[in-house]
C-alpha atoms as a PDB file:
ATOM      1  CA  UNK A   1      55.237-114.647 188.656  1.00  0.00           C
ATOM      2  CA  UNK A   2      55.538-117.859 190.486  1.00  0.00           C
ATOM      3  CA  UNK A   3      58.663-120.021 191.516  1.00  0.00           C
ATOM      4  CA  UNK A   4      60.582-118.267 194.021  1.00  0.00           C
ATOM      5  CA  UNK A   5      63.896-120.132 193.915  1.00  0.00           C
ATOM      6  CA  UNK A   6      64.141-118.612 189.908  1.00  0.00           C
ATOM      7  CA  UNK A   7      63.696-114.813 190.555  1.00  0.00           C
ATOM      8  CA  UNK A   8      64.559-114.657 186.678  1.00  0.00           C
ATOM      9  CA  UNK A   9      63.144-110.450 187.230  1.00  0.00           C
ATOM     10  CA  UNK A  10      65.521-109.548 189.876  1.00  0.00           C
ATOM     11  CA  UNK A  11      67.682-107.481 187.208  1.00  0.00           C
ATOM     12  CA  UNK A  12      64.382-106.460 184.865  1.00  0.00           C
ATOM     13  CA  UNK A  13      62.957-102.366 185.836  1.00  0.00           C
ATOM     14  CA  UNK A  14      59.495-103.160 184.744  1.00  0.00           C
ATOM     15  CA  UNK A  15      58.154-100.194 186.674  1.00  0.00           C
ATOM     16  CA  UNK A  16      59.699 -98.146 184.003  1.00  0.00           C
ATOM     17  CA  UNK A  17      59.179 -99.807 180.717  1.00  0.00           C
ATOM     18  CA  UNK A  18      55.326 -99.877 180.812  1.00  0.00           C
ATOM     19  CA  UNK A  19      53.200 -96.432 180.796  1.00  0.00           C
ATOM     20  CA  UNK A  20      51.352 -97.413 183.938  1.00  0.00           C
ATOM     21  CA  UNK A  21      49.169 -94.336 184.052  1.00  0.00           C
ATOM     22  CA  UNK A  22      47.750 -94.754 180.672  1.00  0.00           C
ATOM     23  CA  UNK A  23      47.476 -98.696 180.649  1.00  0.00           C
ATOM     24  CA  UNK A  24      45.487 -98.290 184.353  1.00  0.00           C
ATOM     25  CA  UNK A  25      43.175 -95.754 182.714  1.00  0.00           C
ATOM     26  CA  UNK A  26      42.377 -98.068 179.820  1.00  0.00           C
ATOM     27  CA  UNK A  27      42.014-101.003 182.291  1.00  0.00           C
ATOM     28  CA  UNK A  28      39.900 -98.809 185.199  1.00  0.00           C
ATOM     29  CA  UNK A  29      36.523 -99.556 183.922  1.00  0.00           C
ATOM     30  CA  UNK A  30      36.690-103.547 183.464  1.00  0.00           C
ATOM     31  CA  UNK A  31      38.430-103.777 186.923  1.00  0.00           C
ATOM     32  CA  UNK A  32      35.707-101.337 188.804  1.00  0.00           C
ATOM     33  CA  UNK A  33      33.387-103.561 187.188  1.00  0.00           C
ATOM     34  CA  UNK A  34      34.531-106.890 187.922  1.00  0.00           C
ATOM     35  CA  UNK A  35      35.782-106.715 191.334  1.00  0.00           C
ATOM     36  CA  UNK A  36      32.877-105.559 192.873  1.00  0.00           C
ATOM     37  CA  UNK A  37      32.022-108.493 195.198  1.00  0.00           C
ATOM     38  CA  UNK A  38      31.006-109.230 198.459  1.00  0.00           C
ATOM     39  CA  UNK A  39      33.718-107.485 200.986  1.00  0.00           C
ATOM     40  CA  UNK A  40      36.568-104.769 199.468  1.00  0.00           C
ATOM     41  CA  UNK A  41      39.184-107.064 200.407  1.00  0.00           C
ATOM     42  CA  UNK A  42      41.423-107.801 197.222  1.00  0.00           C
ATOM     43  CA  UNK A  43      44.153-110.645 196.121  1.00  0.00           C
ATOM     44  CA  UNK A  44      46.404-109.148 193.490  1.00  0.00           C
ATOM     45  CA  UNK A  45      48.083-112.535 192.593  1.00  0.00           C
ATOM     46  CA  UNK A  46      51.472-111.613 190.753  1.00  0.00           C
ATOM     47  CA  UNK A  47      51.112-108.206 191.805  1.00  0.00           C
ATOM     48  CA  UNK A  48      54.740-107.486 190.658  1.00  0.00           C
ATOM     49  CA  UNK A  49      55.694-103.731 191.744  1.00  0.00           C
ATOM     50  CA  UNK A  50      52.414-103.148 192.900  1.00  0.00           C
ATOM     51  CA  UNK A  51      50.801-100.741 190.150  1.00  0.00           C
ATOM     52  CA  UNK A  52      47.269-102.139 189.947  1.00  0.00           C
ATOM     53  CA  UNK A  53      47.607-102.794 194.008  1.00  0.00           C
ATOM     54  CA  UNK A  54      47.908 -99.229 194.277  1.00  0.00           C
ATOM     55  CA  UNK A  55      45.647 -98.584 191.946  1.00  0.00           C
ATOM     56  CA  UNK A  56      42.940-100.290 193.577  1.00  0.00           C
ATOM     57  CA  UNK A  57      43.435 -98.880 196.951  1.00  0.00           C
ATOM     58  CA  UNK A  58      43.414 -95.725 195.582  1.00  0.00           C
ATOM     59  CA  UNK A  59      39.739 -96.385 194.645  1.00  0.00           C
ATOM     60  CA  UNK A  60      38.830 -97.748 198.413  1.00  0.00           C
ATOM     61  CA  UNK A  61      39.713-101.322 198.508  1.00  0.00           C
ATOM     62  CA  UNK A  62      41.711-103.273 200.996  1.00  0.00           C
ATOM     63  CA  UNK A  63      44.182-104.915 199.072  1.00  0.00           C
ATOM     64  CA  UNK A  64      47.149-107.653 199.715  1.00  0.00           C
ATOM     65  CA  UNK A  65      49.618-108.130 196.772  1.00  0.00           C
ATOM     66  CA  UNK A  66      51.263-111.488 196.495  1.00  0.00           C
ATOM     67  CA  UNK A  67      54.368-112.470 194.282  1.00  0.00           C
ATOM     68  CA  UNK A  68      56.915-115.303 194.142  1.00  0.00           C
ATOM     69  CA  UNK A  69      59.561-112.677 193.068  1.00  0.00           C
ATOM     70  CA  UNK A  70      61.246-111.220 196.487  1.00  0.00           C
ATOM     71  CA  UNK A  71      62.638-108.790 194.001  1.00  0.00           C
ATOM     72  CA  UNK A  72      59.109-107.155 192.864  1.00  0.00           C
ATOM     73  CA  UNK A  73      57.746-107.768 196.157  1.00  0.00           C
ATOM     74  CA  UNK A  74      60.869-105.510 197.514  1.00  0.00           C
ATOM     75  CA  UNK A  75      59.829-102.935 194.682  1.00  0.00           C
ATOM     76  CA  UNK A  76      56.256-102.498 195.533  1.00  0.00           C
ATOM     77  CA  UNK A  77      57.171-102.356 199.640  1.00  0.00           C
ATOM     78  CA  UNK A  78      58.954 -99.064 198.005  1.00  0.00           C
ATOM     79  CA  UNK A  79      56.736 -98.004 195.714  1.00  0.00           C
ATOM     80  CA  UNK A  80      54.260 -98.287 198.488  1.00  0.00           C
ATOM     81  CA  UNK A  81      55.993 -98.164 202.596  1.00  0.00           C
ATOM     82  CA  UNK A  82      51.688 -98.232 203.521  1.00  0.00           C
ATOM     83  CA  UNK A  83      51.073-101.295 201.659  1.00  0.00           C
ATOM     84  CA  UNK A  84      50.612-104.873 202.012  1.00  0.00           C
ATOM     85  CA  UNK A  85      52.706-106.578 200.096  1.00  0.00           C
ATOM     86  CA  UNK A  86      53.439-110.888 200.583  1.00  0.00           C
ATOM     87  CA  UNK A  87      55.784-113.061 198.924  1.00  0.00           C
ATOM     88  CA  UNK A  88      53.998-116.193 198.596  1.00  0.00           C
ATOM     89  CA  UNK A  89      53.878-119.234 195.598  1.00  0.00           C
ATOM     90  CA  UNK A  90      50.745-119.126 193.833  1.00  0.00           C
ATOM     91  CA  UNK A  91      50.245-123.045 194.602  1.00  0.00           C
ATOM     92  CA  UNK A  92      50.949-122.641 197.754  1.00  0.00           C
ATOM     93  CA  UNK A  93      48.434-119.524 199.230  1.00  0.00           C
ATOM     94  CA  UNK A  94      48.362-118.815 202.677  1.00  0.00           C
ATOM     95  CA  UNK A  95      44.822-119.443 202.914  1.00  0.00           C
ATOM     96  CA  UNK A  96      44.694-119.186 206.791  1.00  0.00           C
ATOM     97  CA  UNK A  97      46.045-115.823 206.975  1.00  0.00           C
ATOM     98  CA  UNK A  98      43.908-114.681 204.014  1.00  0.00           C
ATOM     99  CA  UNK A  99      40.791-115.855 203.648  1.00  0.00           C
ATOM    100  CA  UNK A 100      37.894-114.833 203.335  1.00  0.00           C
ATOM    101  CA  UNK A 101      38.707-112.275 200.470  1.00  0.00           C
ATOM    102  CA  UNK A 102      36.169-110.123 198.637  1.00  0.00           C
ATOM    103  CA  UNK A 103      37.384-110.694 195.119  1.00  0.00           C
ATOM    104  CA  UNK A 104      40.910-111.387 193.428  1.00  0.00           C
ATOM    105  CA  UNK A 105      42.607-110.293 189.805  1.00  0.00           C
ATOM    106  CA  UNK A 106      45.532-112.067 188.242  1.00  0.00           C
ATOM    107  CA  UNK A 107      46.836-109.715 184.846  1.00  0.00           C
ATOM    108  CA  UNK A 108      49.833-109.820 183.359  1.00  0.00           C
ATOM    109  CA  UNK A 109      51.893-112.741 182.319  1.00  0.00           C
ATOM    110  CA  UNK A 110      51.370-114.455 185.597  1.00  0.00           C
ATOM    111  CA  UNK A 111      49.568-117.609 184.784  1.00  0.00           C
ATOM    112  CA  UNK A 112      51.927-118.840 182.652  1.00  0.00           C
ATOM    113  CA  UNK A 113      54.460-119.729 184.852  1.00  0.00           C
ATOM    114  CA  UNK A 114      52.793-122.650 186.073  1.00  0.00           C
ATOM    115  CA  UNK A 115      53.724-125.379 183.446  1.00  0.00           C
ATOM    116  CA  UNK A 116      51.407-127.946 184.637  1.00  0.00           C
ATOM    117  CA  UNK A 117      48.216-128.731 185.403  1.00  0.00           C
ATOM    118  CA  UNK A 118      48.357-129.708 188.811  1.00  0.00           C
ATOM    119  CA  UNK A 119      49.686-126.241 189.799  1.00  0.00           C
ATOM    120  CA  UNK A 120      46.924-124.720 188.111  1.00  0.00           C
ATOM    121  CA  UNK A 121      44.887-127.152 189.842  1.00  0.00           C
ATOM    122  CA  UNK A 122      46.630-126.344 193.252  1.00  0.00           C
ATOM    123  CA  UNK A 123      46.401-122.358 192.609  1.00  0.00           C
ATOM    124  CA  UNK A 124      42.949-122.408 191.687  1.00  0.00           C
ATOM    125  CA  UNK A 125      41.672-124.544 194.570  1.00  0.00           C
ATOM    126  CA  UNK A 126      43.874-122.683 196.873  1.00  0.00           C
ATOM    127  CA  UNK A 127      42.531-119.082 195.346  1.00  0.00           C
ATOM    128  CA  UNK A 128      38.954-120.518 196.126  1.00  0.00           C
ATOM    129  CA  UNK A 129      39.526-121.404 199.452  1.00  0.00           C
ATOM    130  CA  UNK A 130      40.781-117.460 199.875  1.00  0.00           C
ATOM    131  CA  UNK A 131      37.573-116.044 198.494  1.00  0.00           C
ATOM    132  CA  UNK A 132      34.033-115.460 199.756  1.00  0.00           C
ATOM    133  CA  UNK A 133      30.987-117.574 198.206  1.00  0.00           C
ATOM    134  CA  UNK A 134      29.932-115.225 195.062  1.00  0.00           C
ATOM    135  CA  UNK A 135      33.599-113.587 194.760  1.00  0.00           C
ATOM    136  CA  UNK A 136      34.573-112.312 191.855  1.00  0.00           C
ATOM    137  CA  UNK A 137      38.208-113.496 189.787  1.00  0.00           C
ATOM    138  CA  UNK A 138      39.206-111.263 187.109  1.00  0.00           C
ATOM    139  CA  UNK A 139      42.141-113.530 185.056  1.00  0.00           C
ATOM    140  CA  UNK A 140      43.884-111.969 182.247  1.00  0.00           C
ATOM    141  CA  UNK A 141      46.733-113.422 180.118  1.00  0.00           C
ATOM    142  CA  UNK A 142      47.738-113.149 176.447  1.00  0.00           C
ATOM    143  CA  UNK A 143      45.937-115.223 174.024  1.00  0.00           C
ATOM    144  CA  UNK A 144      48.104-118.063 173.418  1.00  0.00           C
ATOM    145  CA  UNK A 145      45.507-119.614 171.699  1.00  0.00           C
ATOM    146  CA  UNK A 146      46.358-116.969 168.553  1.00  0.00           C
ATOM    147  CA  UNK A 147      50.418-116.957 169.847  1.00  0.00           C
ATOM    148  CA  UNK A 148      50.429-120.905 169.973  1.00  0.00           C
ATOM    149  CA  UNK A 149      48.413-121.230 166.557  1.00  0.00           C
ATOM    150  CA  UNK A 150      50.533-118.699 164.854  1.00  0.00           C
ATOM    151  CA  UNK A 151      53.782-119.443 165.849  1.00  0.00           C
ATOM    152  CA  UNK A 152      54.361-115.868 167.092  1.00  0.00           C
ATOM    153  CA  UNK A 153      57.971-115.288 168.554  1.00  0.00           C
ATOM    154  CA  UNK A 154      58.152-111.577 169.331  1.00  0.00           C
ATOM    155  CA  UNK A 155      56.306-108.689 171.064  1.00  0.00           C
ATOM    156  CA  UNK A 156      55.785-105.062 170.261  1.00  0.00           C
ATOM    157  CA  UNK A 157      58.963-103.568 171.108  1.00  0.00           C
ATOM    158  CA  UNK A 158      58.853-100.993 174.114  1.00  0.00           C
ATOM    159  CA  UNK A 159      60.840 -97.750 173.666  1.00  0.00           C
ATOM    160  CA  UNK A 160      61.010 -95.338 176.505  1.00  0.00           C
ATOM    161  CA  UNK A 161      62.960 -92.645 177.587  1.00  0.00           C
ATOM    162  CA  UNK A 162      66.105 -93.442 178.980  1.00  0.00           C
ATOM    163  CA  UNK A 163      68.417 -92.216 182.146  1.00  0.00           C
ATOM    164  CA  UNK A 164      70.229 -89.805 180.691  1.00  0.00           C
ATOM    165  CA  UNK A 165      69.171 -87.016 178.260  1.00  0.00           C
ATOM    166  CA  UNK A 166      69.304 -88.604 174.369  1.00  0.00           C
ATOM    167  CA  UNK A 167      69.511 -91.771 175.770  1.00  0.00           C
ATOM    168  CA  UNK A 168      66.256 -94.460 175.364  1.00  0.00           C
ATOM    169  CA  UNK A 169      65.406 -97.542 176.817  1.00  0.00           C
ATOM    170  CA  UNK A 170      64.260-100.559 174.881  1.00  0.00           C
ATOM    171  CA  UNK A 171      62.708-103.573 176.310  1.00  0.00           C
ATOM    172  CA  UNK A 172      62.903-106.661 174.050  1.00  0.00           C
ATOM    173  CA  UNK A 173      60.541-109.833 174.199  1.00  0.00           C
ATOM    174  CA  UNK A 174      61.307-113.069 172.327  1.00  0.00           C
ATOM    175  CA  UNK A 175      59.616-116.609 172.700  1.00  0.00           C
ATOM    176  CA  UNK A 176      60.973-119.646 171.347  1.00  0.00           C
ATOM    177  CA  UNK A 177      58.419-122.511 171.154  1.00  0.00           C
ATOM    178  CA  UNK A 178      58.976-126.334 172.177  1.00  0.00           C
ATOM    179  CA  UNK A 179      55.502-127.359 171.342  1.00  0.00           C
ATOM    180  CA  UNK A 180      52.581-128.631 173.415  1.00  0.00           C
ATOM    181  CA  UNK A 181      52.226-125.135 174.797  1.00  0.00           C
ATOM    182  CA  UNK A 182      55.829-125.329 175.819  1.00  0.00           C
ATOM    183  CA  UNK A 183      57.788-121.903 175.275  1.00  0.00           C
ATOM    184  CA  UNK A 184      61.469-120.054 176.587  1.00  0.00           C
ATOM    185  CA  UNK A 185      60.570-116.292 176.829  1.00  0.00           C
ATOM    186  CA  UNK A 186      63.471-114.286 176.859  1.00  0.00           C
ATOM    187  CA  UNK A 187      62.723-110.675 178.383  1.00  0.00           C
ATOM    188  CA  UNK A 188      65.528-108.258 177.777  1.00  0.00           C
ATOM    189  CA  UNK A 189      66.570-104.439 178.370  1.00  0.00           C
ATOM    190  CA  UNK A 190      69.202-102.118 175.737  1.00  0.00           C
ATOM    191  CA  UNK A 191      70.258 -98.820 176.129  1.00  0.00           C
ATOM    192  CA  UNK A 192      70.478 -96.870 173.389  1.00  0.00           C
ATOM    193  CA  UNK A 193      72.750 -94.304 173.183  1.00  0.00           C
ATOM    194  CA  UNK A 194      72.921 -92.486 169.127  1.00  0.00           C
ATOM    195  CA  UNK A 195      76.909 -91.982 168.672  1.00  0.00           C
ATOM    196  CA  UNK A 196      77.874 -93.952 171.173  1.00  0.00           C
ATOM    197  CA  UNK A 197      80.641 -96.760 170.715  1.00  0.00           C
ATOM    198  CA  UNK A 198      78.499 -99.193 170.293  1.00  0.00           C
ATOM    199  CA  UNK A 199      75.166 -97.258 170.151  1.00  0.00           C
ATOM    200  CA  UNK A 200      73.258-100.187 171.462  1.00  0.00           C
ATOM    201  CA  UNK A 201      74.210-102.350 174.952  1.00  0.00           C
ATOM    202  CA  UNK A 202      72.274-105.174 176.655  1.00  0.00           C
ATOM    203  CA  UNK A 203      71.822-103.876 179.973  1.00  0.00           C
ATOM    204  CA  UNK A 204      69.803-107.209 181.562  1.00  0.00           C
ATOM    205  CA  UNK A 205      67.761-110.437 179.709  1.00  0.00           C
ATOM    206  CA  UNK A 206      67.198-113.476 181.196  1.00  0.00           C
ATOM    207  CA  UNK A 207      65.314-116.676 180.163  1.00  0.00           C
ATOM    208  CA  UNK A 208      62.195-118.231 181.961  1.00  0.00           C
ATOM    209  CA  UNK A 209      60.059-121.426 180.799  1.00  0.00           C
ATOM    210  CA  UNK A 210      56.415-120.545 180.096  1.00  0.00           C
ATOM    211  CA  UNK A 211      52.959-122.461 179.126  1.00  0.00           C
ATOM    212  CA  UNK A 212      50.958-121.308 176.673  1.00  0.00           C
ATOM    213  CA  UNK A 213      47.718-122.140 178.440  1.00  0.00           C
ATOM    214  CA  UNK A 214      44.536-121.784 176.143  1.00  0.00           C
ATOM    215  CA  UNK A 215      41.476-120.856 176.788  1.00  0.00           C
ATOM    216  CA  UNK A 216      39.591-124.049 177.240  1.00  0.00           C
ATOM    217  CA  UNK A 217      42.008-125.467 179.134  1.00  0.00           C
ATOM    218  CA  UNK A 218      42.042-122.420 181.638  1.00  0.00           C
ATOM    219  CA  UNK A 219      38.224-122.280 182.006  1.00  0.00           C
ATOM    220  CA  UNK A 220      37.960-126.226 182.314  1.00  0.00           C
ATOM    221  CA  UNK A 221      40.357-125.955 185.041  1.00  0.00           C
ATOM    222  CA  UNK A 222      38.574-123.146 186.761  1.00  0.00           C
ATOM    223  CA  UNK A 223      35.536-125.053 186.928  1.00  0.00           C
ATOM    224  CA  UNK A 224      37.166-128.026 188.193  1.00  0.00           C
ATOM    225  CA  UNK A 225      38.363-125.988 191.002  1.00  0.00           C
ATOM    226  CA  UNK A 226      34.967-124.614 192.182  1.00  0.00           C
ATOM    227  CA  UNK A 227      34.583-121.507 190.141  1.00  0.00           C
ATOM    228  CA  UNK A 228      31.608-120.625 187.752  1.00  0.00           C
ATOM    229  CA  UNK A 229      32.711-118.731 184.317  1.00  0.00           C
ATOM    230  CA  UNK A 230      30.549-115.327 184.238  1.00  0.00           C
ATOM    231  CA  UNK A 231      32.546-113.523 181.226  1.00  0.00           C
ATOM    232  CA  UNK A 232      35.194-114.117 178.452  1.00  0.00           C
ATOM    233  CA  UNK A 233      36.958-111.569 176.625  1.00  0.00           C
ATOM    234  CA  UNK A 234      39.398-110.646 174.735  1.00  0.00           C
ATOM    235  CA  UNK A 235      41.100-107.399 176.232  1.00  0.00           C
ATOM    236  CA  UNK A 236      40.927-105.421 179.520  1.00  0.00           C
ATOM    237  CA  UNK A 237      38.904-102.790 177.360  1.00  0.00           C
ATOM    238  CA  UNK A 238      35.871-104.981 177.138  1.00  0.00           C
ATOM    239  CA  UNK A 239      36.252-106.366 173.440  1.00  0.00           C
ATOM    240  CA  UNK A 240      34.632-109.753 172.906  1.00  0.00           C
ATOM    241  CA  UNK A 241      37.128-112.703 172.610  1.00  0.00           C
ATOM    242  CA  UNK A 242      38.165-114.071 169.308  1.00  0.00           C
ATOM    243  CA  UNK A 243      40.847-116.329 168.636  1.00  0.00           C
ATOM    244  CA  UNK A 244      42.856-113.717 167.548  1.00  0.00           C
ATOM    245  CA  UNK A 245      42.182-111.324 170.457  1.00  0.00           C
ATOM    246  CA  UNK A 246      45.359-109.549 171.974  1.00  0.00           C
ATOM    247  CA  UNK A 247      44.519-111.570 175.521  1.00  0.00           C
ATOM    248  CA  UNK A 248      42.329-114.181 177.668  1.00  0.00           C
ATOM    249  CA  UNK A 249      40.283-112.505 180.114  1.00  0.00           C
ATOM    250  CA  UNK A 250      37.943-114.702 182.331  1.00  0.00           C
ATOM    251  CA  UNK A 251      35.622-113.270 184.854  1.00  0.00           C
ATOM    252  CA  UNK A 252      34.593-116.176 187.488  1.00  0.00           C
ATOM    253  CA  UNK A 253      33.017-116.386 190.783  1.00  0.00           C
ATOM    254  CA  UNK A 254      33.768-118.517 193.595  1.00  0.00           C
ATOM    255  CA  UNK A 255      30.911-120.898 193.582  1.00  0.00           C
END
């Protein structure tokens, strides 16, 4: 996540809305294959509440998590008081404090928070300066080629057990398209209490401006910023990319 002056995620309890053990188990083979670099030092960019950082640390990596959201960095530190988590913008990475790193990852809905090509270039060139030569960079985001071409407006509903017995927590995500890849992203958390009046209650909702980056745009800007492309996939479990894939996963290396 970026743009620290707009911490739109302060009220969104993401940690409880994702089945993290199952997700990390699915992603582990690709993470461990892709992040083998010149050293065990790894940057987790847009780390959120730190689940990937903690997983990689458990595998023997020396991880630094960065996120522009103060609330997400605080959540990461509370979950892992011994970890290293920094609040920093992706477009102004503290290169002097970080270089040289042996690998980096940026996963989830992080990159679309950067809305202009100049911002992506600033991120990628700053990251290249943080990485040792040959260091890999694993980048994952939703497949916006599919989302934009189809005009998709929703993601699958996430349903999790609520805080009290008999309650459910629902996580709803909507998108409004504005053309040229511009989107308004509206995440909302609701509580379902059968028999209550009302049975469905809105707990939190935000609106965030995003840019849906297509594969060709991402790969071109990576190459202009000093990266070589290694591999492009369609999921974090290693399937080939296609225009209808769920994700865009790019594995590059610092040239």
